[in-house]
Amino acid sequence: MSLHSNHPYHIVNFSPWPLTSALRVISRIINFTLWFKYNKLNTFLLITRIILILLSIYQWWRDVSREGTFQGLHTFKVKINLQWGIILFIISEIFFFFSFFWTFFHIRLSPNIELGNTWPPLRIIAFNPFQVPLLNTLILLVSGISVTTTHHLILENKLSLRKKYLIITIFLGIYFSFLQIIEYKEANFTITDRSYGSIFFLSTGFHGIHVIIGTLFLIICLLRLKLKQFSITHHFGFEAAAWYWHFVDVVWIFLFSVIYWWFN
């Protein structure tokens, strides 16, 4: 696209990254399908495909950063469209988790005879909500405060402080994931243990994946902060990461309240 166009919109150049990302995701899904069906997992191919998709994401993200930071293609109109894109994406994620809550309430409110007419089902010992789950809740709440503080410091152009608070947020995200791994290892049930195990690991597992993605998002923002690619008026990349992180926080509060606490 010419840098001297007569309209405020960004006509994106041809890019190979959507195609390469899609092909690598499809190949990874095929790999998992073969693993589930035949119990044969090629670890080398799995790791290779994950590395390749991360490279595609990095290069795609790099191009977007260049367009907005150095080429000046993210005008006010483009920024509004990007904001709506992130908002609609988060709404789609809300409905994704809504399906898990719908399933949970459907099973929980009328446990059938196969579950022993009780919840949790017989011989399943649920987690104590006031141990690791409560700690993880506090971790995400504090991380929400620190990421919001980082945003305010960006608006105030306080370079050193905003880096420190963003590092705190990233550390809390990594710590949350570490505690969740420990929790999964200590569980006395698996994803195949009745409907309780299935809905528990699906909902909390997908949330855990979102925490990892959000943490990577924030790490990229930290690198961009160090490269001085964010300013008072140009920092939508960080805003999108902060919105996503707040979404992750809110979903966890519902998961903790419903799956861990109220109905156990």
Protein backbone atom coordinates (compact mmCIF):
# COMPACT_ATOMS: atom_id res chain seq x y z
CA MET A 1 0.00 0.00 0.00
CA SER A 2 1.21 3.47 -0.75
CA LEU A 3 2.13 5.60 2.24
CA HIS A 4 0.39 8.53 0.54
CA SER A 5 -3.11 7.07 0.03
CA ASN A 6 -6.13 9.35 0.00
CA HIS A 7 -8.04 7.41 2.66
CA PRO A 8 -7.41 6.66 6.37
CA TYR A 9 -7.74 2.88 6.05
CA HIS A 10 -4.97 0.29 5.94
CA ILE A 11 -5.07 -1.95 2.89
CA VAL A 12 -2.99 -4.90 4.08
CA ASN A 13 -0.20 -6.16 1.84
CA PHE A 14 -0.07 -9.80 0.79
CA SER A 15 1.29 -11.88 3.66
CA PRO A 16 2.21 -15.60 3.87
CA TRP A 17 1.74 -15.81 7.64
CA PRO A 18 -2.02 -16.51 7.78
CA LEU A 19 -1.55 -19.42 5.37
CA THR A 20 1.52 -20.85 7.09
CA SER A 21 -0.14 -20.52 10.52
CA ALA A 22 -3.31 -22.27 9.31
CA LEU A 23 -1.37 -25.13 7.72
CA ARG A 24 0.70 -25.66 10.86
CA VAL A 25 -2.37 -25.62 13.10
CA ILE A 26 -4.08 -28.18 10.85
CA SER A 27 -1.00 -30.41 10.92
CA ARG A 28 -0.91 -30.17 14.71
CA ILE A 29 -4.61 -31.12 14.95
CA ILE A 30 -3.94 -34.15 12.72
CA ASN A 31 -1.04 -35.09 14.98
CA PHE A 32 -3.25 -34.91 18.09
CA THR A 33 -6.04 -36.87 16.36
CA LEU A 34 -3.64 -39.71 15.53
CA TRP A 35 -2.41 -39.59 19.11
CA PHE A 36 -5.94 -39.89 20.55
CA LYS A 37 -6.99 -42.63 18.14
CA TYR A 38 -3.87 -44.80 17.91
CA ASN A 39 -2.04 -43.70 21.08
CA LYS A 40 1.05 -42.88 19.02
CA LEU A 41 2.60 -39.48 19.49
CA ASN A 42 5.64 -38.36 17.50
CA THR A 43 7.19 -35.97 20.01
CA PHE A 44 9.74 -34.62 17.55
CA LEU A 45 7.07 -33.69 14.98
CA LEU A 46 4.89 -32.17 17.69
CA ILE A 47 7.68 -29.95 19.02
CA THR A 48 8.74 -29.02 15.48
CA ARG A 49 5.21 -27.95 14.54
CA ILE A 50 4.82 -25.92 17.72
CA ILE A 51 8.12 -24.14 17.01
CA LEU A 52 7.07 -23.45 13.41
CA ILE A 53 3.71 -21.98 14.41
CA LEU A 54 5.42 -19.81 17.03
CA LEU A 55 7.77 -18.56 14.30
CA SER A 56 4.78 -17.72 12.08
CA ILE A 57 3.11 -15.87 14.94
CA TYR A 58 6.31 -13.97 15.69
CA GLN A 59 6.81 -12.88 12.09
CA TRP A 60 3.15 -11.95 11.68
CA TRP A 61 3.27 -9.92 14.90
CA ARG A 62 6.55 -8.33 13.77
CA ASP A 63 4.95 -7.14 10.54
CA VAL A 64 1.95 -5.66 12.39
CA SER A 65 4.31 -3.83 14.77
CA ARG A 66 6.25 -2.42 11.85
CA GLU A 67 3.07 -1.23 10.14
CA GLY A 68 1.87 0.59 13.24
CA THR A 69 5.13 1.82 14.76
CA PHE A 70 7.41 2.65 11.84
CA GLN A 71 5.18 2.96 8.78
CA GLY A 72 2.42 4.95 10.47
CA LEU A 73 -0.34 2.86 8.89
CA HIS A 74 -2.42 2.53 12.05
CA THR A 75 -4.39 5.74 11.76
CA PHE A 76 -7.24 6.70 14.10
CA LYS A 77 -9.74 4.87 11.87
CA VAL A 78 -7.54 1.77 11.79
CA LYS A 79 -7.13 1.89 15.57
CA ILE A 80 -10.92 1.97 16.03
CA ASN A 81 -11.28 -1.07 13.77
CA LEU A 82 -8.54 -2.89 15.67
CA GLN A 83 -10.30 -2.15 18.95
CA TRP A 84 -13.57 -3.53 17.63
CA GLY A 85 -11.70 -6.58 16.35
CA ILE A 86 -10.30 -7.32 19.81
CA ILE A 87 -13.69 -6.65 21.44
CA LEU A 88 -15.47 -9.08 19.09
CA PHE A 89 -12.71 -11.64 19.60
CA ILE A 90 -13.12 -11.44 23.39
CA ILE A 91 -16.91 -11.74 23.01
CA SER A 92 -16.40 -14.93 21.00
CA GLU A 93 -14.15 -16.22 23.78
CA ILE A 94 -16.86 -15.40 26.33
CA PHE A 95 -19.32 -17.60 24.44
CA PHE A 96 -16.66 -20.31 24.23
CA PHE A 97 -16.45 -20.48 28.02
CA PHE A 98 -20.21 -19.98 28.32
CA SER A 99 -20.63 -23.41 26.69
CA PHE A 100 -18.56 -24.98 29.47
CA PHE A 101 -20.62 -23.27 32.19
CA TRP A 102 -23.83 -24.34 30.45
CA THR A 103 -22.63 -27.96 30.43
CA PHE A 104 -21.58 -27.76 34.07
CA PHE A 105 -24.91 -26.38 35.27
CA HIS A 106 -26.84 -28.91 33.16
CA ILE A 107 -25.00 -31.80 34.80
CA ARG A 108 -24.69 -30.31 38.27
CA LEU A 109 -28.31 -29.32 38.79
CA SER A 110 -29.66 -32.76 37.86
CA PRO A 111 -27.01 -35.46 38.40
CA ASN A 112 -28.37 -38.73 37.05
CA ILE A 113 -28.18 -42.23 38.51
CA GLU A 114 -24.88 -42.97 36.75
CA LEU A 115 -23.32 -40.22 38.88
CA GLY A 116 -24.87 -41.64 42.03
CA ASN A 117 -27.46 -38.85 42.13
CA THR A 118 -24.86 -36.71 43.86
CA TRP A 119 -22.26 -34.10 43.03
CA PRO A 120 -19.34 -34.51 42.89
CA PRO A 121 -19.92 -38.08 41.70
CA LEU A 122 -19.11 -40.99 44.01
CA ARG A 123 -15.41 -41.74 44.63
CA ILE A 124 -14.31 -38.32 43.30
CA ILE A 125 -12.70 -36.02 45.85
CA ALA A 126 -12.95 -32.40 44.74
CA PHE A 127 -10.23 -29.86 45.42
CA ASN A 128 -10.41 -27.74 48.52
CA PRO A 129 -11.31 -24.32 47.04
CA PHE A 130 -9.51 -22.46 49.84
CA GLN A 131 -6.06 -23.85 49.08
CA VAL A 132 -4.41 -23.62 45.62
CA PRO A 133 -7.59 -22.37 43.84
CA LEU A 134 -7.94 -19.43 46.25
CA LEU A 135 -4.24 -18.63 45.93
CA ASN A 136 -4.56 -18.65 42.13
CA THR A 137 -7.54 -16.32 42.42
CA LEU A 138 -5.52 -13.84 44.49
CA ILE A 139 -2.65 -14.12 42.00
CA LEU A 140 -4.85 -13.21 39.04
CA LEU A 141 -6.57 -10.39 40.94
CA VAL A 142 -3.20 -8.86 41.85
CA SER A 143 -2.01 -9.32 38.26
CA GLY A 144 -5.08 -7.43 37.06
CA ILE A 145 -4.14 -4.54 39.33
CA SER A 146 -0.51 -4.56 38.17
CA VAL A 147 -1.40 -4.62 34.45
CA THR A 148 -3.82 -1.71 34.97
CA THR A 149 -1.09 0.18 36.84
CA THR A 150 1.25 -0.47 33.90
CA HIS A 151 -1.31 1.10 31.55
CA HIS A 152 -1.56 4.22 33.69
CA LEU A 153 2.23 4.48 33.84
CA ILE A 154 2.39 4.28 30.04
CA LEU A 155 -0.05 7.17 29.87
CA GLU A 156 2.15 9.07 32.33
CA ASN A 157 5.30 8.15 30.32
CA LYS A 158 7.09 6.64 33.34
CA LEU A 159 9.40 4.22 31.54
CA SER A 160 11.17 2.42 34.39
CA LEU A 161 8.09 1.94 36.58
CA ARG A 162 5.89 0.59 33.79
CA LYS A 163 8.50 -2.07 33.00
CA LYS A 164 8.62 -3.16 36.64
CA TYR A 165 4.86 -3.50 36.95
CA LEU A 166 4.63 -5.37 33.65
CA ILE A 167 7.35 -7.78 34.80
CA ILE A 168 5.33 -8.35 37.99
CA THR A 169 2.26 -9.20 35.89
CA ILE A 170 4.24 -11.64 33.73
CA PHE A 171 5.73 -13.30 36.83
CA LEU A 172 2.25 -13.73 38.34
CA GLY A 173 0.97 -15.28 35.10
CA ILE A 174 3.85 -17.78 35.06
CA TYR A 175 3.34 -18.53 38.76
CA PHE A 176 -0.37 -19.20 38.15
CA SER A 177 0.48 -21.70 35.40
CA PHE A 178 3.07 -23.39 37.66
CA LEU A 179 0.52 -23.82 40.47
CA GLN A 180 -2.07 -25.18 38.05
CA ILE A 181 0.38 -27.84 36.85
CA ILE A 182 1.00 -28.86 40.47
CA GLU A 183 -2.76 -28.99 41.08
CA TYR A 184 -3.31 -31.25 38.07
CA LYS A 185 -0.56 -33.61 39.27
CA GLU A 186 -2.16 -33.88 42.70
CA ALA A 187 -5.69 -34.51 41.38
CA ASN A 188 -7.18 -37.86 42.36
CA PHE A 189 -9.28 -37.93 39.17
CA THR A 190 -8.58 -37.52 35.45
CA ILE A 191 -10.39 -36.12 32.42
CA THR A 192 -11.88 -39.59 31.81
CA ASP A 193 -13.43 -39.84 35.30
CA ARG A 194 -17.11 -39.26 34.57
CA SER A 195 -18.59 -35.95 33.56
CA TYR A 196 -17.01 -34.18 36.53
CA GLY A 197 -13.47 -34.91 35.39
CA SER A 198 -14.31 -33.99 31.80
CA ILE A 199 -15.88 -30.61 32.52
CA PHE A 200 -13.31 -29.76 35.20
CA PHE A 201 -10.25 -30.34 33.06
CA LEU A 202 -11.83 -28.90 29.91
CA SER A 203 -12.86 -25.63 31.55
CA THR A 204 -9.81 -25.10 33.75
CA GLY A 205 -7.45 -26.48 31.11
CA PHE A 206 -8.66 -24.13 28.40
CA HIS A 207 -8.46 -21.28 30.87
CA GLY A 208 -4.89 -22.30 31.62
CA ILE A 209 -4.08 -22.18 27.91
CA HIS A 210 -5.54 -18.68 27.78
CA VAL A 211 -3.33 -17.66 30.72
CA ILE A 212 -0.26 -18.93 28.85
CA ILE A 213 -1.31 -17.05 25.69
CA GLY A 214 -1.95 -13.89 27.71
CA THR A 215 1.44 -14.23 29.40
CA LEU A 216 3.15 -14.54 26.00
CA PHE A 217 1.17 -11.50 24.85
CA LEU A 218 2.49 -9.51 27.83
CA ILE A 219 6.07 -10.73 27.25
CA ILE A 220 5.88 -9.37 23.68
CA CYS A 221 4.59 -6.08 25.11
CA LEU A 222 7.55 -5.98 27.52
CA LEU A 223 9.96 -6.43 24.60
CA ARG A 224 8.20 -3.65 22.72
CA LEU A 225 8.41 -1.43 25.80
CA LYS A 226 12.16 -1.98 25.94
CA LEU A 227 12.38 -1.13 22.22
CA LYS A 228 10.40 2.06 22.96
CA GLN A 229 7.63 1.16 20.54
CA PHE A 230 4.89 2.37 22.91
CA SER A 231 4.11 6.01 23.61
CA ILE A 232 1.36 7.96 25.32
CA THR A 233 -0.70 8.08 22.12
CA HIS A 234 0.48 4.86 20.45
CA HIS A 235 0.15 1.74 22.62
CA PHE A 236 -2.87 -0.19 21.39
CA GLY A 237 -0.84 -3.43 21.38
CA PHE A 238 -0.56 -3.17 25.14
CA GLU A 239 -4.22 -2.16 25.53
CA ALA A 240 -5.28 -5.30 23.64
CA ALA A 241 -3.07 -7.44 25.91
CA ALA A 242 -4.52 -5.76 29.01
CA TRP A 243 -8.11 -6.31 27.82
CA TYR A 244 -7.35 -9.95 27.15
CA TRP A 245 -5.75 -10.33 30.58
CA HIS A 246 -8.76 -8.81 32.33
CA PHE A 247 -10.98 -11.26 30.40
CA VAL A 248 -8.83 -14.13 31.70
CA ASP A 249 -9.18 -12.74 35.25
CA VAL A 250 -12.97 -12.51 35.07
CA VAL A 251 -13.36 -16.02 33.62
CA TRP A 252 -11.24 -17.44 36.44
CA ILE A 253 -13.39 -15.71 39.07
CA PHE A 254 -16.44 -17.48 37.60
CA LEU A 255 -14.55 -20.79 37.40
CA PHE A 256 -13.43 -20.50 41.01
CA SER A 257 -16.87 -19.45 42.25
CA VAL A 258 -18.86 -22.09 40.36
CA ILE A 259 -16.68 -25.15 39.76
CA TYR A 260 -14.39 -24.99 42.80
CA TRP A 261 -16.52 -23.42 45.50
CA TRP A 262 -20.31 -23.08 45.30
CA PHE A 263 -21.23 -26.45 43.82
CA ASN A 264 -18.71 -28.77 45.47
